[in-house]
Amino acid sequence: MPNGRTHRPAGALSGAAVAAYRAQHQKTAHMILETIGGAMGGWVGGQLPDHLEPADCWNHRKFCHSWAAFFAGASFSRAVVVGWERYCREQAVSAANKRLANASLSGGMSFFLLMLETAWRIAAGILAGLIAGYASHLILDATTPSSLPVFG
């Protein structure tokens, strides 16, 4: 029976894979950072259904553990993830451009802008990873004897 020791790593792996796929046209370094973000989001997403609906009995499946939640998440991801990634990537480019265009920046400010760019690149993968991790949790739970209800 899947539990947190299964859901978290499975979510991280799923999140990393989805984020890497979505970042495949980015530069290699950027893709790696987005993949790290995907793994982080997947780690959280992999345990999120059990935080929303704690296991208080063997059959704790309500809406957050349902096929309806799975398909709602899939619809949500198509509608929102692209915009999120675009916004994060634009912010990363903005920080990089500020850093590279201003040779007069102090070392501290240049380092800050580099860290800001890195954080935005990681953030670009987090939402896709979160959704993939959540989906991996539901898929794993669907393989148990309790399976998943349609609506909860």
N, C-alpha and C. Protein backbone atom coordinates (compact mmCIF):
# COMPACT_ATOMS: atom_id res chain seq x y z
N MET A 1 0.85 -1.18 0.00
CA MET A 1 0.00 0.00 0.00
C MET A 1 0.89 1.24 0.00
N PRO A 2 0.73 2.16 -0.96
CA PRO A 2 1.56 3.36 -1.00
C PRO A 2 1.35 4.24 0.24
N ASN A 3 2.44 4.79 0.74
CA ASN A 3 2.38 5.73 1.85
C ASN A 3 3.35 6.87 1.55
N GLY A 4 3.60 7.72 2.54
CA GLY A 4 4.48 8.87 2.32
C GLY A 4 5.86 8.50 1.82
N ARG A 5 6.37 7.36 2.28
CA ARG A 5 7.70 6.93 1.82
C ARG A 5 7.68 6.55 0.35
N THR A 6 6.53 6.24 -0.17
CA THR A 6 6.39 5.94 -1.60
C THR A 6 5.97 7.19 -2.38
N HIS A 7 4.98 7.89 -1.85
CA HIS A 7 4.40 9.02 -2.58
C HIS A 7 5.38 10.17 -2.81
N ARG A 8 6.19 10.50 -1.81
CA ARG A 8 7.12 11.63 -1.98
C ARG A 8 8.15 11.39 -3.07
N PRO A 9 8.91 10.28 -3.03
CA PRO A 9 9.89 10.07 -4.11
C PRO A 9 9.24 9.85 -5.47
N ALA A 10 8.09 9.16 -5.50
CA ALA A 10 7.40 8.97 -6.78
C ALA A 10 6.94 10.32 -7.32
N GLY A 11 6.46 11.19 -6.44
CA GLY A 11 6.06 12.53 -6.85
C GLY A 11 7.23 13.35 -7.36
N ALA A 12 8.37 13.25 -6.66
CA ALA A 12 9.57 13.99 -7.08
C ALA A 12 10.03 13.52 -8.45
N LEU A 13 10.04 12.21 -8.66
CA LEU A 13 10.46 11.67 -9.96
C LEU A 13 9.49 12.09 -11.06
N SER A 14 8.20 12.00 -10.79
CA SER A 14 7.20 12.42 -11.77
C SER A 14 7.32 13.91 -12.07
N GLY A 15 7.46 14.70 -11.02
CA GLY A 15 7.59 16.15 -11.21
C GLY A 15 8.83 16.52 -12.00
N ALA A 16 9.95 15.87 -11.70
CA ALA A 16 11.19 16.14 -12.43
C ALA A 16 11.04 15.77 -13.90
N ALA A 17 10.42 14.62 -14.16
CA ALA A 17 10.26 14.17 -15.55
C ALA A 17 9.37 15.13 -16.34
N VAL A 18 8.27 15.56 -15.75
CA VAL A 18 7.36 16.47 -16.46
C VAL A 18 8.03 17.83 -16.67
N ALA A 19 8.70 18.35 -15.65
CA ALA A 19 9.37 19.64 -15.79
C ALA A 19 10.48 19.58 -16.83
N ALA A 20 11.24 18.49 -16.84
CA ALA A 20 12.31 18.34 -17.84
C ALA A 20 11.72 18.30 -19.24
N TYR A 21 10.64 17.57 -19.40
CA TYR A 21 9.98 17.50 -20.71
C TYR A 21 9.50 18.89 -21.14
N ARG A 22 8.89 19.63 -20.23
CA ARG A 22 8.35 20.94 -20.56
C ARG A 22 9.47 21.96 -20.83
N ALA A 23 10.67 21.71 -20.30
CA ALA A 23 11.79 22.63 -20.48
C ALA A 23 12.77 22.16 -21.55
N GLN A 24 12.39 21.17 -22.33
CA GLN A 24 13.33 20.56 -23.27
C GLN A 24 13.88 21.53 -24.30
N HIS A 25 13.21 22.63 -24.55
CA HIS A 25 13.70 23.58 -25.55
C HIS A 25 14.48 24.74 -24.91
N GLN A 26 14.68 24.67 -23.61
CA GLN A 26 15.47 25.67 -22.91
C GLN A 26 16.95 25.28 -23.00
N LYS A 27 17.82 26.22 -22.68
CA LYS A 27 19.25 25.89 -22.58
C LYS A 27 19.41 24.80 -21.52
N THR A 28 20.46 24.00 -21.66
CA THR A 28 20.67 22.86 -20.76
C THR A 28 20.69 23.28 -19.30
N ALA A 29 21.41 24.34 -18.97
CA ALA A 29 21.48 24.78 -17.57
C ALA A 29 20.11 25.20 -17.06
N HIS A 30 19.33 25.85 -17.91
CA HIS A 30 17.99 26.28 -17.51
C HIS A 30 17.07 25.08 -17.34
N MET A 31 17.21 24.10 -18.23
CA MET A 31 16.41 22.89 -18.12
C MET A 31 16.72 22.15 -16.82
N ILE A 32 17.97 22.10 -16.44
CA ILE A 32 18.35 21.43 -15.20
C ILE A 32 17.71 22.13 -14.00
N LEU A 33 17.73 23.45 -13.99
CA LEU A 33 17.13 24.19 -12.88
C LEU A 33 15.62 23.98 -12.84
N GLU A 34 14.96 23.99 -13.99
CA GLU A 34 13.52 23.74 -14.02
C GLU A 34 13.21 22.31 -13.58
N THR A 35 14.08 21.38 -13.91
CA THR A 35 13.89 19.99 -13.49
C THR A 35 14.02 19.88 -11.97
N ILE A 36 14.95 20.60 -11.39
CA ILE A 36 15.08 20.64 -9.93
C ILE A 36 13.80 21.20 -9.32
N GLY A 37 13.27 22.27 -9.91
CA GLY A 37 12.00 22.82 -9.44
C GLY A 37 10.87 21.82 -9.55
N GLY A 38 10.85 21.08 -10.65
CA GLY A 38 9.83 20.05 -10.83
C GLY A 38 9.92 18.97 -9.77
N ALA A 39 11.13 18.57 -9.43
CA ALA A 39 11.31 17.56 -8.38
C ALA A 39 10.83 18.10 -7.04
N MET A 40 11.13 19.35 -6.76
CA MET A 40 10.68 19.96 -5.50
C MET A 40 9.15 20.02 -5.46
N GLY A 41 8.55 20.50 -6.54
CA GLY A 41 7.09 20.56 -6.60
C GLY A 41 6.47 19.18 -6.52
N GLY A 42 7.08 18.21 -7.18
CA GLY A 42 6.57 16.84 -7.15
C GLY A 42 6.64 16.22 -5.77
N TRP A 43 7.70 16.52 -5.03
CA TRP A 43 7.84 16.02 -3.66
C TRP A 43 6.66 16.49 -2.82
N VAL A 44 6.32 17.78 -2.95
CA VAL A 44 5.18 18.33 -2.21
C VAL A 44 3.87 17.77 -2.75
N GLY A 45 3.72 17.78 -4.08
CA GLY A 45 2.48 17.29 -4.70
C GLY A 45 2.23 15.83 -4.41
N GLY A 46 3.29 15.04 -4.28
CA GLY A 46 3.14 13.62 -4.01
C GLY A 46 2.51 13.32 -2.67
N GLN A 47 2.61 14.24 -1.74
CA GLN A 47 2.00 14.03 -0.42
C GLN A 47 0.79 14.92 -0.18
N LEU A 48 0.51 15.83 -1.12
CA LEU A 48 -0.57 16.80 -0.93
C LEU A 48 -1.95 16.18 -0.73
N PRO A 49 -2.36 15.16 -1.49
CA PRO A 49 -3.70 14.61 -1.24
C PRO A 49 -3.90 14.12 0.20
N ASP A 50 -2.85 13.55 0.80
CA ASP A 50 -2.98 13.07 2.18
C ASP A 50 -2.95 14.21 3.19
N HIS A 51 -2.44 15.37 2.81
CA HIS A 51 -2.51 16.54 3.69
C HIS A 51 -3.90 17.17 3.60
N LEU A 52 -4.47 17.14 2.41
CA LEU A 52 -5.82 17.70 2.23
C LEU A 52 -6.89 16.79 2.83
N GLU A 53 -6.67 15.49 2.74
CA GLU A 53 -7.58 14.49 3.31
C GLU A 53 -6.75 13.48 4.08
N PRO A 54 -6.45 13.77 5.34
CA PRO A 54 -5.62 12.85 6.12
C PRO A 54 -6.25 11.46 6.22
N ALA A 55 -5.39 10.47 6.26
CA ALA A 55 -5.86 9.08 6.35
C ALA A 55 -6.34 8.80 7.77
N ASP A 56 -7.65 8.96 8.00
CA ASP A 56 -8.20 8.69 9.32
C ASP A 56 -8.82 7.29 9.38
N CYS A 57 -8.86 6.62 8.24
CA CYS A 57 -9.30 5.23 8.18
C CYS A 57 -8.73 4.61 6.92
N TRP A 58 -8.92 3.31 6.73
CA TRP A 58 -8.33 2.62 5.59
C TRP A 58 -8.91 3.10 4.26
N ASN A 59 -10.12 3.65 4.28
CA ASN A 59 -10.78 4.09 3.05
C ASN A 59 -11.06 5.59 3.13
N HIS A 60 -10.00 6.39 3.18
CA HIS A 60 -10.14 7.83 3.40
C HIS A 60 -10.31 8.62 2.10
N ARG A 61 -10.79 8.01 1.07
CA ARG A 61 -10.85 8.64 -0.23
C ARG A 61 -12.12 9.48 -0.39
N LYS A 62 -11.91 10.79 -0.49
CA LYS A 62 -13.00 11.72 -0.78
C LYS A 62 -12.61 12.45 -2.05
N PHE A 63 -13.04 13.69 -2.22
CA PHE A 63 -12.82 14.38 -3.50
C PHE A 63 -11.34 14.50 -3.86
N CYS A 64 -10.49 14.83 -2.90
CA CYS A 64 -9.07 15.03 -3.20
C CYS A 64 -8.37 13.74 -3.64
N HIS A 65 -9.01 12.61 -3.37
CA HIS A 65 -8.50 11.30 -3.80
C HIS A 65 -9.46 10.70 -4.83
N SER A 66 -9.86 11.46 -5.82
CA SER A 66 -10.86 10.97 -6.78
C SER A 66 -10.38 11.16 -8.21
N TRP A 67 -11.06 10.46 -9.12
CA TRP A 67 -10.77 10.65 -10.54
C TRP A 67 -11.16 12.06 -10.96
N ALA A 68 -12.19 12.62 -10.34
CA ALA A 68 -12.59 14.00 -10.66
C ALA A 68 -11.45 14.97 -10.34
N ALA A 69 -10.79 14.78 -9.19
CA ALA A 69 -9.64 15.62 -8.85
C ALA A 69 -8.51 15.43 -9.84
N PHE A 70 -8.29 14.18 -10.26
CA PHE A 70 -7.24 13.90 -11.24
C PHE A 70 -7.49 14.67 -12.54
N PHE A 71 -8.69 14.58 -13.07
CA PHE A 71 -8.99 15.25 -14.33
C PHE A 71 -9.10 16.77 -14.17
N ALA A 72 -9.53 17.23 -13.01
CA ALA A 72 -9.54 18.67 -12.76
C ALA A 72 -8.11 19.20 -12.75
N GLY A 73 -7.20 18.44 -12.13
CA GLY A 73 -5.79 18.84 -12.13
C GLY A 73 -5.20 18.87 -13.52
N ALA A 74 -5.57 17.89 -14.33
CA ALA A 74 -5.08 17.86 -15.72
C ALA A 74 -5.59 19.07 -16.49
N SER A 75 -6.85 19.42 -16.30
CA SER A 75 -7.41 20.60 -16.98
C SER A 75 -6.75 21.88 -16.48
N PHE A 76 -6.55 21.96 -15.16
CA PHE A 76 -5.92 23.12 -14.55
C PHE A 76 -4.51 23.32 -15.11
N SER A 77 -3.79 22.21 -15.25
CA SER A 77 -2.41 22.33 -15.69
C SER A 77 -2.32 22.88 -17.11
N ARG A 78 -3.22 22.47 -17.97
CA ARG A 78 -3.20 22.98 -19.34
C ARG A 78 -3.52 24.47 -19.36
N ALA A 79 -4.38 24.90 -18.47
CA ALA A 79 -4.81 26.29 -18.48
C ALA A 79 -3.83 27.23 -17.79
N VAL A 80 -3.09 26.74 -16.81
CA VAL A 80 -2.31 27.64 -15.96
C VAL A 80 -0.79 27.46 -16.07
N VAL A 81 -0.31 26.25 -16.23
CA VAL A 81 1.13 25.99 -16.17
C VAL A 81 1.89 26.75 -17.25
N VAL A 82 1.37 26.81 -18.45
CA VAL A 82 2.07 27.51 -19.53
C VAL A 82 2.29 28.98 -19.17
N GLY A 83 1.26 29.62 -18.65
CA GLY A 83 1.40 31.02 -18.24
C GLY A 83 2.38 31.19 -17.10
N TRP A 84 2.34 30.28 -16.13
CA TRP A 84 3.26 30.32 -15.00
C TRP A 84 4.70 30.19 -15.48
N GLU A 85 4.96 29.20 -16.34
CA GLU A 85 6.31 29.00 -16.86
C GLU A 85 6.79 30.23 -17.62
N ARG A 86 5.93 30.78 -18.45
CA ARG A 86 6.30 31.96 -19.23
C ARG A 86 6.66 33.12 -18.31
N TYR A 87 5.84 33.36 -17.30
CA TYR A 87 6.10 34.46 -16.37
C TYR A 87 7.43 34.26 -15.65
N CYS A 88 7.67 33.05 -15.13
CA CYS A 88 8.91 32.78 -14.41
C CYS A 88 10.13 32.92 -15.31
N ARG A 89 10.01 32.42 -16.53
CA ARG A 89 11.13 32.54 -17.47
C ARG A 89 11.40 34.00 -17.83
N GLU A 90 10.35 34.79 -18.00
CA GLU A 90 10.53 36.22 -18.29
C GLU A 90 11.23 36.92 -17.14
N GLN A 91 10.85 36.58 -15.90
CA GLN A 91 11.49 37.19 -14.73
C GLN A 91 12.96 36.78 -14.66
N ALA A 92 13.26 35.54 -14.99
CA ALA A 92 14.65 35.06 -14.99
C ALA A 92 15.47 35.81 -16.04
N VAL A 93 14.91 35.99 -17.22
CA VAL A 93 15.61 36.72 -18.29
C VAL A 93 15.83 38.17 -17.87
N SER A 94 14.83 38.76 -17.23
CA SER A 94 14.96 40.15 -16.77
C SER A 94 16.11 40.29 -15.77
N ALA A 95 16.18 39.37 -14.81
CA ALA A 95 17.27 39.42 -13.83
C ALA A 95 18.62 39.22 -14.51
N ALA A 96 18.70 38.28 -15.45
CA ALA A 96 19.96 38.03 -16.16
C ALA A 96 20.37 39.25 -16.98
N ASN A 97 19.41 39.87 -17.66
CA ASN A 97 19.72 41.05 -18.48
C ASN A 97 20.22 42.20 -17.61
N LYS A 98 19.62 42.41 -16.46
CA LYS A 98 20.07 43.48 -15.55
C LYS A 98 21.49 43.21 -15.09
N ARG A 99 21.77 41.95 -14.79
CA ARG A 99 23.11 41.59 -14.31
C ARG A 99 24.15 41.76 -15.40
N LEU A 100 23.83 41.32 -16.61
CA LEU A 100 24.80 41.36 -17.71
C LEU A 100 24.96 42.75 -18.32
N ALA A 101 23.92 43.57 -18.25
CA ALA A 101 23.96 44.89 -18.88
C ALA A 101 24.66 45.93 -18.02
N ASN A 102 24.77 45.69 -16.75
CA ASN A 102 25.34 46.68 -15.85
C ASN A 102 26.68 46.21 -15.30
N ALA A 103 27.73 46.55 -16.01
CA ALA A 103 29.08 46.16 -15.58
C ALA A 103 29.47 46.88 -14.29
N SER A 104 28.77 47.95 -13.98
CA SER A 104 29.12 48.75 -12.80
C SER A 104 28.47 48.21 -11.51
N LEU A 105 27.72 47.13 -11.60
CA LEU A 105 27.09 46.59 -10.40
C LEU A 105 28.13 46.08 -9.42
N SER A 106 27.84 46.23 -8.14
CA SER A 106 28.74 45.68 -7.13
C SER A 106 28.67 44.15 -7.20
N GLY A 107 29.66 43.52 -6.64
CA GLY A 107 29.69 42.06 -6.62
C GLY A 107 28.47 41.47 -5.92
N GLY A 108 28.06 42.13 -4.83
CA GLY A 108 26.90 41.66 -4.09
C GLY A 108 25.62 41.75 -4.89
N MET A 109 25.44 42.85 -5.61
CA MET A 109 24.22 43.01 -6.42
C MET A 109 24.23 42.06 -7.61
N SER A 110 25.38 41.86 -8.21
CA SER A 110 25.50 40.92 -9.32
C SER A 110 25.17 39.50 -8.85
N PHE A 111 25.68 39.13 -7.68
CA PHE A 111 25.39 37.82 -7.12
C PHE A 111 23.90 37.68 -6.80
N PHE A 112 23.31 38.74 -6.24
CA PHE A 112 21.88 38.73 -5.93
C PHE A 112 21.06 38.49 -7.19
N LEU A 113 21.40 39.18 -8.27
CA LEU A 113 20.65 39.01 -9.53
C LEU A 113 20.85 37.61 -10.11
N LEU A 114 22.03 37.04 -9.95
CA LEU A 114 22.26 35.66 -10.38
C LEU A 114 21.40 34.68 -9.58
N MET A 115 21.33 34.89 -8.27
CA MET A 115 20.49 34.03 -7.42
C MET A 115 19.01 34.23 -7.74
N LEU A 116 18.62 35.46 -8.04
CA LEU A 116 17.23 35.74 -8.41
C LEU A 116 16.88 35.03 -9.72
N GLU A 117 17.77 35.10 -10.69
CA GLU A 117 17.55 34.38 -11.95
C GLU A 117 17.41 32.88 -11.70
N THR A 118 18.29 32.34 -10.87
CA THR A 118 18.25 30.91 -10.55
C THR A 118 16.94 30.54 -9.87
N ALA A 119 16.50 31.36 -8.93
CA ALA A 119 15.25 31.09 -8.23
C ALA A 119 14.06 31.10 -9.20
N TRP A 120 14.04 32.05 -10.14
CA TRP A 120 12.95 32.09 -11.12
C TRP A 120 12.99 30.87 -12.03
N ARG A 121 14.18 30.39 -12.39
CA ARG A 121 14.28 29.20 -13.23
C ARG A 121 13.75 27.98 -12.49
N ILE A 122 14.10 27.87 -11.21
CA ILE A 122 13.59 26.76 -10.41
C ILE A 122 12.08 26.87 -10.27
N ALA A 123 11.59 28.08 -10.02
CA ALA A 123 10.15 28.29 -9.86
C ALA A 123 9.38 27.91 -11.12
N ALA A 124 10.00 28.05 -12.28
CA ALA A 124 9.32 27.72 -13.54
C ALA A 124 8.91 26.26 -13.58
N GLY A 125 9.63 25.38 -12.90
CA GLY A 125 9.30 23.96 -12.90
C GLY A 125 8.43 23.50 -11.75
N ILE A 126 8.26 24.35 -10.74
CA ILE A 126 7.57 23.92 -9.51
C ILE A 126 6.11 23.56 -9.75
N LEU A 127 5.35 24.38 -10.44
CA LEU A 127 3.91 24.12 -10.59
C LEU A 127 3.65 22.85 -11.40
N ALA A 128 4.37 22.68 -12.51
CA ALA A 128 4.21 21.46 -13.30
C ALA A 128 4.57 20.24 -12.45
N GLY A 129 5.62 20.35 -11.65
CA GLY A 129 6.02 19.26 -10.78
C GLY A 129 5.00 18.97 -9.70
N LEU A 130 4.41 20.02 -9.13
CA LEU A 130 3.38 19.85 -8.11
C LEU A 130 2.19 19.07 -8.66
N ILE A 131 1.74 19.45 -9.82
CA ILE A 131 0.60 18.77 -10.44
C ILE A 131 0.95 17.33 -10.80
N ALA A 132 2.14 17.12 -11.33
CA ALA A 132 2.57 15.75 -11.67
C ALA A 132 2.69 14.89 -10.42
N GLY A 133 3.22 15.46 -9.35
CA GLY A 133 3.32 14.72 -8.09
C GLY A 133 1.96 14.34 -7.54
N TYR A 134 1.03 15.27 -7.60
CA TYR A 134 -0.34 15.00 -7.15
C TYR A 134 -0.93 13.86 -7.98
N ALA A 135 -0.75 13.95 -9.29
CA ALA A 135 -1.27 12.91 -10.18
C ALA A 135 -0.63 11.56 -9.88
N SER A 136 0.67 11.54 -9.59
CA SER A 136 1.33 10.27 -9.28
C SER A 136 0.75 9.65 -8.01
N HIS A 137 0.41 10.49 -7.04
CA HIS A 137 -0.22 10.00 -5.81
C HIS A 137 -1.54 9.30 -6.13
N LEU A 138 -2.35 9.97 -6.95
CA LEU A 138 -3.65 9.39 -7.30
C LEU A 138 -3.49 8.11 -8.11
N ILE A 139 -2.55 8.09 -9.03
CA ILE A 139 -2.33 6.88 -9.83
C ILE A 139 -1.88 5.72 -8.93
N LEU A 140 -0.97 5.99 -8.00
CA LEU A 140 -0.54 4.95 -7.07
C LEU A 140 -1.70 4.46 -6.21
N ASP A 141 -2.52 5.39 -5.72
CA ASP A 141 -3.67 4.99 -4.90
C ASP A 141 -4.70 4.22 -5.72
N ALA A 142 -4.78 4.49 -7.00
CA ALA A 142 -5.74 3.78 -7.85
C ALA A 142 -5.38 2.30 -7.97
N THR A 143 -4.12 1.95 -7.70
CA THR A 143 -3.69 0.55 -7.81
C THR A 143 -3.95 -0.24 -6.52
N THR A 144 -4.49 0.41 -5.50
CA THR A 144 -4.76 -0.28 -4.23
C THR A 144 -6.16 -0.91 -4.27
N PRO A 145 -6.46 -1.80 -3.34
CA PRO A 145 -7.80 -2.40 -3.31
C PRO A 145 -8.92 -1.36 -3.18
N SER A 146 -8.67 -0.23 -2.50
CA SER A 146 -9.69 0.81 -2.37
C SER A 146 -9.87 1.60 -3.63
N SER A 147 -8.86 1.62 -4.49
CA SER A 147 -8.86 2.36 -5.76
C SER A 147 -9.21 3.83 -5.51
N LEU A 148 -9.83 4.47 -6.49
CA LEU A 148 -10.26 5.86 -6.38
C LEU A 148 -11.75 5.97 -6.70
N PRO A 149 -12.48 6.77 -5.94
CA PRO A 149 -13.87 7.00 -6.32
C PRO A 149 -13.93 7.95 -7.51
N VAL A 150 -15.05 8.00 -8.16
CA VAL A 150 -15.21 8.91 -9.30
C VAL A 150 -15.22 10.36 -8.82
N PHE A 151 -16.06 10.67 -7.85
CA PHE A 151 -16.17 12.04 -7.33
C PHE A 151 -15.79 12.17 -5.87
N GLY A 152 -15.67 11.12 -5.15
CA GLY A 152 -15.35 11.18 -3.74
C GLY A 152 -16.53 10.93 -2.94
